[in-house]
Structures are given as structure tokens and as C-alpha cells.
Amino acid sequence: AELAIAEHVHVGRMPCELGAFVTVTADP
């Protein structure tokens, strides 16, 4: 079930409010 959740996580560099950025990368 946890691995199924991981399949729906958005990855990449995402813009946030106040000009911040967060990068989500899958761990190979």
C-alpha cells in the first residue's frame, strides 16, 4: 500500500509561494 502511494507522488522542481522552490526526486 505504501509503494502504491509512492507511484502517485509528483516529482520534479516545483515553484512555491514567495518565490521558493522544492525539488522532489525518487531515490533509485
mmCIF file of all heavy atoms, coordinates in Angstrom:
data_MODEL
# 
_entry.id   MODEL 
# 
loop_
_atom_site.group_PDB 
_atom_site.id 
_atom_site.type_symbol 
_atom_site.label_atom_id 
_atom_site.label_alt_id 
_atom_site.label_comp_id 
_atom_site.label_asym_id 
_atom_site.label_entity_id 
_atom_site.label_seq_id 
_atom_site.pdbx_PDB_ins_code 
_atom_site.Cartn_x 
_atom_site.Cartn_y 
_atom_site.Cartn_z 
_atom_site.occupancy 
_atom_site.B_iso_or_equiv 
_atom_site.pdbx_formal_charge 
_atom_site.auth_seq_id 
_atom_site.auth_comp_id 
_atom_site.auth_asym_id 
_atom_site.auth_atom_id 
_atom_site.pdbx_PDB_model_num 
ATOM 1   N N   . ALA A 1 1  ? 0.825  -1.209 0.000   1.00 0.00 ? 1  ALA A N   1 
ATOM 2   C CA  . ALA A 1 1  ? 0.000  0.000  0.000   1.00 0.00 ? 1  ALA A CA  1 
ATOM 3   C C   . ALA A 1 1  ? 0.859  1.258  0.000   1.00 0.00 ? 1  ALA A C   1 
ATOM 4   O O   . ALA A 1 1  ? 0.537  2.250  -0.671  1.00 0.00 ? 1  ALA A O   1 
ATOM 5   C CB  . ALA A 1 1  ? -0.924 -0.011 1.214   1.00 0.00 ? 1  ALA A CB  1 
ATOM 6   N N   . GLU A 1 2  ? 1.960  1.235  0.732   1.00 0.00 ? 2  GLU A N   1 
ATOM 7   C CA  . GLU A 1 2  ? 2.861  2.391  0.748   1.00 0.00 ? 2  GLU A CA  1 
ATOM 8   C C   . GLU A 1 2  ? 3.545  2.575  -0.592  1.00 0.00 ? 2  GLU A C   1 
ATOM 9   O O   . GLU A 1 2  ? 3.735  3.710  -1.058  1.00 0.00 ? 2  GLU A O   1 
ATOM 10  C CB  . GLU A 1 2  ? 3.883  2.223  1.861   1.00 0.00 ? 2  GLU A CB  1 
ATOM 11  C CG  . GLU A 1 2  ? 3.279  2.305  3.257   1.00 0.00 ? 2  GLU A CG  1 
ATOM 12  C CD  . GLU A 1 2  ? 4.247  1.891  4.340   1.00 0.00 ? 2  GLU A CD  1 
ATOM 13  O OE1 . GLU A 1 2  ? 5.232  1.174  4.011   1.00 0.00 ? 2  GLU A OE1 1 
ATOM 14  O OE2 . GLU A 1 2  ? 4.034  2.265  5.502   1.00 0.00 ? 2  GLU A OE2 1 
ATOM 15  N N   . LEU A 1 3  ? 3.946  1.487  -1.218  1.00 0.00 ? 3  LEU A N   1 
ATOM 16  C CA  . LEU A 1 3  ? 4.533  1.590  -2.559  1.00 0.00 ? 3  LEU A CA  1 
ATOM 17  C C   . LEU A 1 3  ? 3.513  2.105  -3.569  1.00 0.00 ? 3  LEU A C   1 
ATOM 18  O O   . LEU A 1 3  ? 3.871  2.818  -4.514  1.00 0.00 ? 3  LEU A O   1 
ATOM 19  C CB  . LEU A 1 3  ? 5.082  0.230  -2.987  1.00 0.00 ? 3  LEU A CB  1 
ATOM 20  C CG  . LEU A 1 3  ? 6.294  -0.283 -2.201  1.00 0.00 ? 3  LEU A CG  1 
ATOM 21  C CD1 . LEU A 1 3  ? 6.645  -1.701 -2.653  1.00 0.00 ? 3  LEU A CD1 1 
ATOM 22  C CD2 . LEU A 1 3  ? 7.487  0.647  -2.394  1.00 0.00 ? 3  LEU A CD2 1 
ATOM 23  N N   . ALA A 1 4  ? 2.228  1.772  -3.373  1.00 0.00 ? 4  ALA A N   1 
ATOM 24  C CA  . ALA A 1 4  ? 1.188  2.295  -4.269  1.00 0.00 ? 4  ALA A CA  1 
ATOM 25  C C   . ALA A 1 4  ? 1.045  3.799  -4.107  1.00 0.00 ? 4  ALA A C   1 
ATOM 26  O O   . ALA A 1 4  ? 0.807  4.523  -5.090  1.00 0.00 ? 4  ALA A O   1 
ATOM 27  C CB  . ALA A 1 4  ? -0.136 1.589  -3.982  1.00 0.00 ? 4  ALA A CB  1 
ATOM 28  N N   . ILE A 1 5  ? 1.201  4.309  -2.891  1.00 0.00 ? 5  ILE A N   1 
ATOM 29  C CA  . ILE A 1 5  ? 1.166  5.755  -2.673  1.00 0.00 ? 5  ILE A CA  1 
ATOM 30  C C   . ILE A 1 5  ? 2.334  6.430  -3.382  1.00 0.00 ? 5  ILE A C   1 
ATOM 31  O O   . ILE A 1 5  ? 2.189  7.509  -3.978  1.00 0.00 ? 5  ILE A O   1 
ATOM 32  C CB  . ILE A 1 5  ? 1.189  6.066  -1.168  1.00 0.00 ? 5  ILE A CB  1 
ATOM 33  C CG1 . ILE A 1 5  ? -0.087 5.559  -0.496  1.00 0.00 ? 5  ILE A CG1 1 
ATOM 34  C CG2 . ILE A 1 5  ? 1.346  7.555  -0.915  1.00 0.00 ? 5  ILE A CG2 1 
ATOM 35  C CD1 . ILE A 1 5  ? -0.073 5.704  1.012   1.00 0.00 ? 5  ILE A CD1 1 
ATOM 36  N N   . ALA A 1 6  ? 3.502  5.796  -3.335  1.00 0.00 ? 6  ALA A N   1 
ATOM 37  C CA  . ALA A 1 6  ? 4.684  6.385  -3.955  1.00 0.00 ? 6  ALA A CA  1 
ATOM 38  C C   . ALA A 1 6  ? 4.511  6.555  -5.461  1.00 0.00 ? 6  ALA A C   1 
ATOM 39  O O   . ALA A 1 6  ? 5.111  7.459  -6.061  1.00 0.00 ? 6  ALA A O   1 
ATOM 40  C CB  . ALA A 1 6  ? 5.906  5.522  -3.657  1.00 0.00 ? 6  ALA A CB  1 
ATOM 41  N N   . GLU A 1 7  ? 3.710  5.711  -6.074  1.00 0.00 ? 7  GLU A N   1 
ATOM 42  C CA  . GLU A 1 7  ? 3.507  5.823  -7.520  1.00 0.00 ? 7  GLU A CA  1 
ATOM 43  C C   . GLU A 1 7  ? 2.744  7.089  -7.905  1.00 0.00 ? 7  GLU A C   1 
ATOM 44  O O   . GLU A 1 7  ? 2.822  7.528  -9.058  1.00 0.00 ? 7  GLU A O   1 
ATOM 45  C CB  . GLU A 1 7  ? 2.757  4.592  -8.027  1.00 0.00 ? 7  GLU A CB  1 
ATOM 46  C CG  . GLU A 1 7  ? 3.540  3.282  -7.891  1.00 0.00 ? 7  GLU A CG  1 
ATOM 47  C CD  . GLU A 1 7  ? 2.747  2.086  -8.367  1.00 0.00 ? 7  GLU A CD  1 
ATOM 48  O OE1 . GLU A 1 7  ? 1.567  2.286  -8.743  1.00 0.00 ? 7  GLU A OE1 1 
ATOM 49  O OE2 . GLU A 1 7  ? 3.293  0.965  -8.360  1.00 0.00 ? 7  GLU A OE2 1 
ATOM 50  N N   . HIS A 1 8  ? 2.022  7.692  -6.972  1.00 0.00 ? 8  HIS A N   1 
ATOM 51  C CA  . HIS A 1 8  ? 1.215  8.881  -7.263  1.00 0.00 ? 8  HIS A CA  1 
ATOM 52  C C   . HIS A 1 8  ? 1.872  10.178 -6.791  1.00 0.00 ? 8  HIS A C   1 
ATOM 53  O O   . HIS A 1 8  ? 1.257  11.242 -6.885  1.00 0.00 ? 8  HIS A O   1 
ATOM 54  C CB  . HIS A 1 8  ? -0.163 8.741  -6.620  1.00 0.00 ? 8  HIS A CB  1 
ATOM 55  C CG  . HIS A 1 8  ? -0.947 7.574  -7.130  1.00 0.00 ? 8  HIS A CG  1 
ATOM 56  N ND1 . HIS A 1 8  ? -1.604 7.557  -8.352  1.00 0.00 ? 8  HIS A ND1 1 
ATOM 57  C CD2 . HIS A 1 8  ? -1.167 6.339  -6.589  1.00 0.00 ? 8  HIS A CD2 1 
ATOM 58  C CE1 . HIS A 1 8  ? -2.201 6.398  -8.538  1.00 0.00 ? 8  HIS A CE1 1 
ATOM 59  N NE2 . HIS A 1 8  ? -1.953 5.644  -7.478  1.00 0.00 ? 8  HIS A NE2 1 
ATOM 60  N N   . VAL A 1 9  ? 3.099  10.097 -6.297  1.00 0.00 ? 9  VAL A N   1 
ATOM 61  C CA  . VAL A 1 9  ? 3.790  11.300 -5.828  1.00 0.00 ? 9  VAL A CA  1 
ATOM 62  C C   . VAL A 1 9  ? 4.345  12.057 -7.031  1.00 0.00 ? 9  VAL A C   1 
ATOM 63  O O   . VAL A 1 9  ? 4.995  11.476 -7.902  1.00 0.00 ? 9  VAL A O   1 
ATOM 64  C CB  . VAL A 1 9  ? 4.914  10.937 -4.839  1.00 0.00 ? 9  VAL A CB  1 
ATOM 65  C CG1 . VAL A 1 9  ? 5.733  12.161 -4.464  1.00 0.00 ? 9  VAL A CG1 1 
ATOM 66  C CG2 . VAL A 1 9  ? 4.325  10.300 -3.591  1.00 0.00 ? 9  VAL A CG2 1 
ATOM 67  N N   . HIS A 1 10 ? 4.079  13.360 -7.085  1.00 0.00 ? 10 HIS A N   1 
ATOM 68  C CA  . HIS A 1 10 ? 4.603  14.193 -8.165  1.00 0.00 ? 10 HIS A CA  1 
ATOM 69  C C   . HIS A 1 10 ? 6.084  14.472 -7.919  1.00 0.00 ? 10 HIS A C   1 
ATOM 70  O O   . HIS A 1 10 ? 6.496  14.785 -6.796  1.00 0.00 ? 10 HIS A O   1 
ATOM 71  C CB  . HIS A 1 10 ? 3.831  15.511 -8.241  1.00 0.00 ? 10 HIS A CB  1 
ATOM 72  C CG  . HIS A 1 10 ? 2.373  15.349 -8.535  1.00 0.00 ? 10 HIS A CG  1 
ATOM 73  N ND1 . HIS A 1 10 ? 1.894  14.897 -9.739  1.00 0.00 ? 10 HIS A ND1 1 
ATOM 74  C CD2 . HIS A 1 10 ? 1.273  15.563 -7.752  1.00 0.00 ? 10 HIS A CD2 1 
ATOM 75  C CE1 . HIS A 1 10 ? 0.566  14.861 -9.713  1.00 0.00 ? 10 HIS A CE1 1 
ATOM 76  N NE2 . HIS A 1 10 ? 0.167  15.236 -8.509  1.00 0.00 ? 10 HIS A NE2 1 
ATOM 77  N N   . VAL A 1 11 ? 6.874  14.368 -8.969  1.00 0.00 ? 11 VAL A N   1 
ATOM 78  C CA  . VAL A 1 11 ? 8.311  14.612 -8.865  1.00 0.00 ? 11 VAL A CA  1 
ATOM 79  C C   . VAL A 1 11 ? 8.676  15.773 -9.781  1.00 0.00 ? 11 VAL A C   1 
ATOM 80  O O   . VAL A 1 11 ? 7.931  16.147 -10.694 1.00 0.00 ? 11 VAL A O   1 
ATOM 81  C CB  . VAL A 1 11 ? 9.116  13.348 -9.236  1.00 0.00 ? 11 VAL A CB  1 
ATOM 82  C CG1 . VAL A 1 11 ? 8.856  12.229 -8.256  1.00 0.00 ? 11 VAL A CG1 1 
ATOM 83  C CG2 . VAL A 1 11 ? 8.798  12.888 -10.653 1.00 0.00 ? 11 VAL A CG2 1 
ATOM 84  N N   . GLY A 1 12 ? 9.860  16.321 -9.530  1.00 0.00 ? 12 GLY A N   1 
ATOM 85  C CA  . GLY A 1 12 ? 10.352 17.438 -10.326 1.00 0.00 ? 12 GLY A CA  1 
ATOM 86  C C   . GLY A 1 12 ? 10.544 18.675 -9.467  1.00 0.00 ? 12 GLY A C   1 
ATOM 87  O O   . GLY A 1 12 ? 10.335 18.668 -8.250  1.00 0.00 ? 12 GLY A O   1 
ATOM 88  N N   . ARG A 1 13 ? 10.936 19.751 -10.133 1.00 0.00 ? 13 ARG A N   1 
ATOM 89  C CA  . ARG A 1 13 ? 11.164 21.035 -9.457  1.00 0.00 ? 13 ARG A CA  1 
ATOM 90  C C   . ARG A 1 13 ? 9.865  21.834 -9.497  1.00 0.00 ? 13 ARG A C   1 
ATOM 91  O O   . ARG A 1 13 ? 9.364  22.178 -10.573 1.00 0.00 ? 13 ARG A O   1 
ATOM 92  C CB  . ARG A 1 13 ? 12.289 21.813 -10.139 1.00 0.00 ? 13 ARG A CB  1 
ATOM 93  C CG  . ARG A 1 13 ? 12.759 23.052 -9.386  1.00 0.00 ? 13 ARG A CG  1 
ATOM 94  C CD  . ARG A 1 13 ? 14.025 23.598 -10.029 1.00 0.00 ? 13 ARG A CD  1 
ATOM 95  N NE  . ARG A 1 13 ? 14.585 24.717 -9.283  1.00 0.00 ? 13 ARG A NE  1 
ATOM 96  C CZ  . ARG A 1 13 ? 14.385 25.999 -9.587  1.00 0.00 ? 13 ARG A CZ  1 
ATOM 97  N NH1 . ARG A 1 13 ? 13.626 26.316 -10.651 1.00 0.00 ? 13 ARG A NH1 1 
ATOM 98  N NH2 . ARG A 1 13 ? 14.930 26.958 -8.868  1.00 0.00 ? 13 ARG A NH2 1 
ATOM 99  N N   . MET A 1 14 ? 9.337  22.139 -8.335  1.00 0.00 ? 14 MET A N   1 
ATOM 100 C CA  . MET A 1 14 ? 8.023  22.763 -8.236  1.00 0.00 ? 14 MET A CA  1 
ATOM 101 C C   . MET A 1 14 ? 8.149  24.165 -7.666  1.00 0.00 ? 14 MET A C   1 
ATOM 102 O O   . MET A 1 14 ? 8.790  24.359 -6.621  1.00 0.00 ? 14 MET A O   1 
ATOM 103 C CB  . MET A 1 14 ? 7.101  21.929 -7.340  1.00 0.00 ? 14 MET A CB  1 
ATOM 104 C CG  . MET A 1 14 ? 6.989  20.480 -7.746  1.00 0.00 ? 14 MET A CG  1 
ATOM 105 S SD  . MET A 1 14 ? 5.973  19.540 -6.579  1.00 0.00 ? 14 MET A SD  1 
ATOM 106 C CE  . MET A 1 14 ? 6.421  17.859 -7.061  1.00 0.00 ? 14 MET A CE  1 
ATOM 107 N N   . PRO A 1 15 ? 7.534  25.158 -8.309  1.00 0.00 ? 15 PRO A N   1 
ATOM 108 C CA  . PRO A 1 15 ? 7.507  26.502 -7.719  1.00 0.00 ? 15 PRO A CA  1 
ATOM 109 C C   . PRO A 1 15 ? 6.508  26.570 -6.576  1.00 0.00 ? 15 PRO A C   1 
ATOM 110 O O   . PRO A 1 15 ? 5.454  25.936 -6.607  1.00 0.00 ? 15 PRO A O   1 
ATOM 111 C CB  . PRO A 1 15 ? 7.073  27.379 -8.903  1.00 0.00 ? 15 PRO A CB  1 
ATOM 112 C CG  . PRO A 1 15 ? 6.286  26.462 -9.783  1.00 0.00 ? 15 PRO A CG  1 
ATOM 113 C CD  . PRO A 1 15 ? 6.907  25.104 -9.636  1.00 0.00 ? 15 PRO A CD  1 
ATOM 114 N N   . CYS A 1 16 ? 6.873  27.340 -5.560  1.00 0.00 ? 16 CYS A N   1 
ATOM 115 C CA  . CYS A 1 16 ? 6.015  27.508 -4.380  1.00 0.00 ? 16 CYS A CA  1 
ATOM 116 C C   . CYS A 1 16 ? 5.773  29.002 -4.173  1.00 0.00 ? 16 CYS A C   1 
ATOM 117 O O   . CYS A 1 16 ? 6.259  29.840 -4.929  1.00 0.00 ? 16 CYS A O   1 
ATOM 118 C CB  . CYS A 1 16 ? 6.675  26.894 -3.146  1.00 0.00 ? 16 CYS A CB  1 
ATOM 119 S SG  . CYS A 1 16 ? 7.239  25.183 -3.373  1.00 0.00 ? 16 CYS A SG  1 
ATOM 120 N N   . GLU A 1 17 ? 5.008  29.303 -3.155  1.00 0.00 ? 17 GLU A N   1 
ATOM 121 C CA  . GLU A 1 17 ? 4.735  30.708 -2.876  1.00 0.00 ? 17 GLU A CA  1 
ATOM 122 C C   . GLU A 1 17 ? 5.991  31.401 -2.350  1.00 0.00 ? 17 GLU A C   1 
ATOM 123 O O   . GLU A 1 17 ? 6.933  30.761 -1.883  1.00 0.00 ? 17 GLU A O   1 
ATOM 124 C CB  . GLU A 1 17 ? 3.595  30.827 -1.869  1.00 0.00 ? 17 GLU A CB  1 
ATOM 125 C CG  . GLU A 1 17 ? 3.922  30.333 -0.485  1.00 0.00 ? 17 GLU A CG  1 
ATOM 126 C CD  . GLU A 1 17 ? 2.785  30.578 0.489   1.00 0.00 ? 17 GLU A CD  1 
ATOM 127 O OE1 . GLU A 1 17 ? 1.706  31.018 0.043   1.00 0.00 ? 17 GLU A OE1 1 
ATOM 128 O OE2 . GLU A 1 17 ? 2.974  30.327 1.693   1.00 0.00 ? 17 GLU A OE2 1 
ATOM 129 N N   . LEU A 1 18 ? 5.988  32.708 -2.450  1.00 0.00 ? 18 LEU A N   1 
ATOM 130 C CA  . LEU A 1 18 ? 7.102  33.560 -2.001  1.00 0.00 ? 18 LEU A CA  1 
ATOM 131 C C   . LEU A 1 18 ? 8.389  33.285 -2.758  1.00 0.00 ? 18 LEU A C   1 
ATOM 132 O O   . LEU A 1 18 ? 9.495  33.515 -2.247  1.00 0.00 ? 18 LEU A O   1 
ATOM 133 C CB  . LEU A 1 18 ? 7.333  33.396 -0.486  1.00 0.00 ? 18 LEU A CB  1 
ATOM 134 C CG  . LEU A 1 18 ? 6.136  33.682 0.416   1.00 0.00 ? 18 LEU A CG  1 
ATOM 135 C CD1 . LEU A 1 18 ? 6.497  33.425 1.869   1.00 0.00 ? 18 LEU A CD1 1 
ATOM 136 C CD2 . LEU A 1 18 ? 5.638  35.092 0.232   1.00 0.00 ? 18 LEU A CD2 1 
ATOM 137 N N   . GLY A 1 19 ? 8.258  32.781 -3.998  1.00 0.00 ? 19 GLY A N   1 
ATOM 138 C CA  . GLY A 1 19 ? 9.434  32.570 -4.833  1.00 0.00 ? 19 GLY A CA  1 
ATOM 139 C C   . GLY A 1 19 ? 10.295 31.381 -4.466  1.00 0.00 ? 19 GLY A C   1 
ATOM 140 O O   . GLY A 1 19 ? 11.424 31.270 -4.944  1.00 0.00 ? 19 GLY A O   1 
ATOM 141 N N   . ALA A 1 20 ? 9.802  30.502 -3.616  1.00 0.00 ? 20 ALA A N   1 
ATOM 142 C CA  . ALA A 1 20 ? 10.583 29.320 -3.210  1.00 0.00 ? 20 ALA A CA  1 
ATOM 143 C C   . ALA A 1 20 ? 10.382 28.189 -4.208  1.00 0.00 ? 20 ALA A C   1 
ATOM 144 O O   . ALA A 1 20 ? 9.455  28.196 -5.020  1.00 0.00 ? 20 ALA A O   1 
ATOM 145 C CB  . ALA A 1 20 ? 10.176 28.879 -1.812  1.00 0.00 ? 20 ALA A CB  1 
ATOM 146 N N   . PHE A 1 21 ? 11.274 27.205 -4.136  1.00 0.00 ? 21 PHE A N   1 
ATOM 147 C CA  . PHE A 1 21 ? 11.200 26.021 -4.994  1.00 0.00 ? 21 PHE A CA  1 
ATOM 148 C C   . PHE A 1 21 ? 11.496 24.790 -4.145  1.00 0.00 ? 21 PHE A C   1 
ATOM 149 O O   . PHE A 1 21 ? 12.317 24.835 -3.226  1.00 0.00 ? 21 PHE A O   1 
ATOM 150 C CB  . PHE A 1 21 ? 12.207 26.092 -6.146  1.00 0.00 ? 21 PHE A CB  1 
ATOM 151 C CG  . PHE A 1 21 ? 11.848 27.086 -7.203  1.00 0.00 ? 21 PHE A CG  1 
ATOM 152 C CD1 . PHE A 1 21 ? 12.276 28.404 -7.117  1.00 0.00 ? 21 PHE A CD1 1 
ATOM 153 C CD2 . PHE A 1 21 ? 11.079 26.702 -8.301  1.00 0.00 ? 21 PHE A CD2 1 
ATOM 154 C CE1 . PHE A 1 21 ? 11.949 29.320 -8.097  1.00 0.00 ? 21 PHE A CE1 1 
ATOM 155 C CE2 . PHE A 1 21 ? 10.753 27.621 -9.294  1.00 0.00 ? 21 PHE A CE2 1 
ATOM 156 C CZ  . PHE A 1 21 ? 11.177 28.935 -9.184  1.00 0.00 ? 21 PHE A CZ  1 
ATOM 157 N N   . VAL A 1 22 ? 10.833 23.699 -4.490  1.00 0.00 ? 22 VAL A N   1 
ATOM 158 C CA  . VAL A 1 22 ? 11.073 22.410 -3.850  1.00 0.00 ? 22 VAL A CA  1 
ATOM 159 C C   . VAL A 1 22 ? 11.238 21.376 -4.958  1.00 0.00 ? 22 VAL A C   1 
ATOM 160 O O   . VAL A 1 22 ? 10.439 21.331 -5.899  1.00 0.00 ? 22 VAL A O   1 
ATOM 161 C CB  . VAL A 1 22 ? 9.921  22.003 -2.914  1.00 0.00 ? 22 VAL A CB  1 
ATOM 162 C CG1 . VAL A 1 22 ? 10.126 20.578 -2.400  1.00 0.00 ? 22 VAL A CG1 1 
ATOM 163 C CG2 . VAL A 1 22 ? 9.823  22.964 -1.745  1.00 0.00 ? 22 VAL A CG2 1 
ATOM 164 N N   . THR A 1 23 ? 12.271 20.563 -4.835  1.00 0.00 ? 23 THR A N   1 
ATOM 165 C CA  . THR A 1 23 ? 12.553 19.518 -5.815  1.00 0.00 ? 23 THR A CA  1 
ATOM 166 C C   . THR A 1 23 ? 12.319 18.160 -5.172  1.00 0.00 ? 23 THR A C   1 
ATOM 167 O O   . THR A 1 23 ? 12.906 17.851 -4.126  1.00 0.00 ? 23 THR A O   1 
ATOM 168 C CB  . THR A 1 23 ? 13.997 19.608 -6.326  1.00 0.00 ? 23 THR A CB  1 
ATOM 169 O OG1 . THR A 1 23 ? 14.208 20.910 -6.890  1.00 0.00 ? 23 THR A OG1 1 
ATOM 170 C CG2 . THR A 1 23 ? 14.264 18.557 -7.394  1.00 0.00 ? 23 THR A CG2 1 
ATOM 171 N N   . VAL A 1 24 ? 11.475 17.374 -5.783  1.00 0.00 ? 24 VAL A N   1 
ATOM 172 C CA  . VAL A 1 24 ? 11.176 16.019 -5.306  1.00 0.00 ? 24 VAL A CA  1 
ATOM 173 C C   . VAL A 1 24 ? 11.740 15.042 -6.327  1.00 0.00 ? 24 VAL A C   1 
ATOM 174 O O   . VAL A 1 24 ? 11.388 15.089 -7.513  1.00 0.00 ? 24 VAL A O   1 
ATOM 175 C CB  . VAL A 1 24 ? 9.660  15.806 -5.131  1.00 0.00 ? 24 VAL A CB  1 
ATOM 176 C CG1 . VAL A 1 24 ? 9.377  14.389 -4.632  1.00 0.00 ? 24 VAL A CG1 1 
ATOM 177 C CG2 . VAL A 1 24 ? 9.080  16.834 -4.169  1.00 0.00 ? 24 VAL A CG2 1 
ATOM 178 N N   . THR A 1 25 ? 12.613 14.153 -5.866  1.00 0.00 ? 25 THR A N   1 
ATOM 179 C CA  . THR A 1 25 ? 13.278 13.189 -6.740  1.00 0.00 ? 25 THR A CA  1 
ATOM 180 C C   . THR A 1 25 ? 13.134 11.797 -6.147  1.00 0.00 ? 25 THR A C   1 
ATOM 181 O O   . THR A 1 25 ? 13.376 11.598 -4.947  1.00 0.00 ? 25 THR A O   1 
ATOM 182 C CB  . THR A 1 25 ? 14.778 13.523 -6.903  1.00 0.00 ? 25 THR A CB  1 
ATOM 183 O OG1 . THR A 1 25 ? 14.913 14.886 -7.284  1.00 0.00 ? 25 THR A OG1 1 
ATOM 184 C CG2 . THR A 1 25 ? 15.418 12.648 -7.962  1.00 0.00 ? 25 THR A CG2 1 
ATOM 185 N N   . ALA A 1 26 ? 12.754 10.842 -6.962  1.00 0.00 ? 26 ALA A N   1 
ATOM 186 C CA  . ALA A 1 26 ? 12.669 9.455  -6.499  1.00 0.00 ? 26 ALA A CA  1 
ATOM 187 C C   . ALA A 1 26 ? 14.066 8.908  -6.248  1.00 0.00 ? 26 ALA A C   1 
ATOM 188 O O   . ALA A 1 26 ? 15.003 9.165  -7.017  1.00 0.00 ? 26 ALA A O   1 
ATOM 189 C CB  . ALA A 1 26 ? 11.935 8.602  -7.530  1.00 0.00 ? 26 ALA A CB  1 
ATOM 190 N N   . ASP A 1 27 ? 14.217 8.157  -5.166  1.00 0.00 ? 27 ASP A N   1 
ATOM 191 C CA  . ASP A 1 27 ? 15.504 7.557  -4.820  1.00 0.00 ? 27 ASP A CA  1 
ATOM 192 C C   . ASP A 1 27 ? 15.643 6.251  -5.582  1.00 0.00 ? 27 ASP A C   1 
ATOM 193 O O   . ASP A 1 27 ? 14.922 5.282  -5.308  1.00 0.00 ? 27 ASP A O   1 
ATOM 194 C CB  . ASP A 1 27 ? 15.564 7.308  -3.313  1.00 0.00 ? 27 ASP A CB  1 
ATOM 195 C CG  . ASP A 1 27 ? 16.938 6.851  -2.866  1.00 0.00 ? 27 ASP A CG  1 
ATOM 196 O OD1 . ASP A 1 27 ? 17.805 6.620  -3.726  1.00 0.00 ? 27 ASP A OD1 1 
ATOM 197 O OD2 . ASP A 1 27 ? 17.146 6.723  -1.642  1.00 0.00 ? 27 ASP A OD2 1 
ATOM 198 N N   . PRO A 1 28 ? 16.568 6.169  -6.542  1.00 0.00 ? 28 PRO A N   1 
ATOM 199 C CA  . PRO A 1 28 ? 16.685 4.921  -7.309  1.00 0.00 ? 28 PRO A CA  1 
ATOM 200 C C   . PRO A 1 28 ? 17.220 3.757  -6.486  1.00 0.00 ? 28 PRO A C   1 
ATOM 201 O O   . PRO A 1 28 ? 16.992 2.599  -6.821  1.00 0.00 ? 28 PRO A O   1 
ATOM 202 C CB  . PRO A 1 28 ? 17.660 5.303  -8.436  1.00 0.00 ? 28 PRO A CB  1 
ATOM 203 C CG  . PRO A 1 28 ? 18.456 6.438  -7.887  1.00 0.00 ? 28 PRO A CG  1 
ATOM 204 C CD  . PRO A 1 28 ? 17.532 7.193  -6.988  1.00 0.00 ? 28 PRO A CD  1 
# 
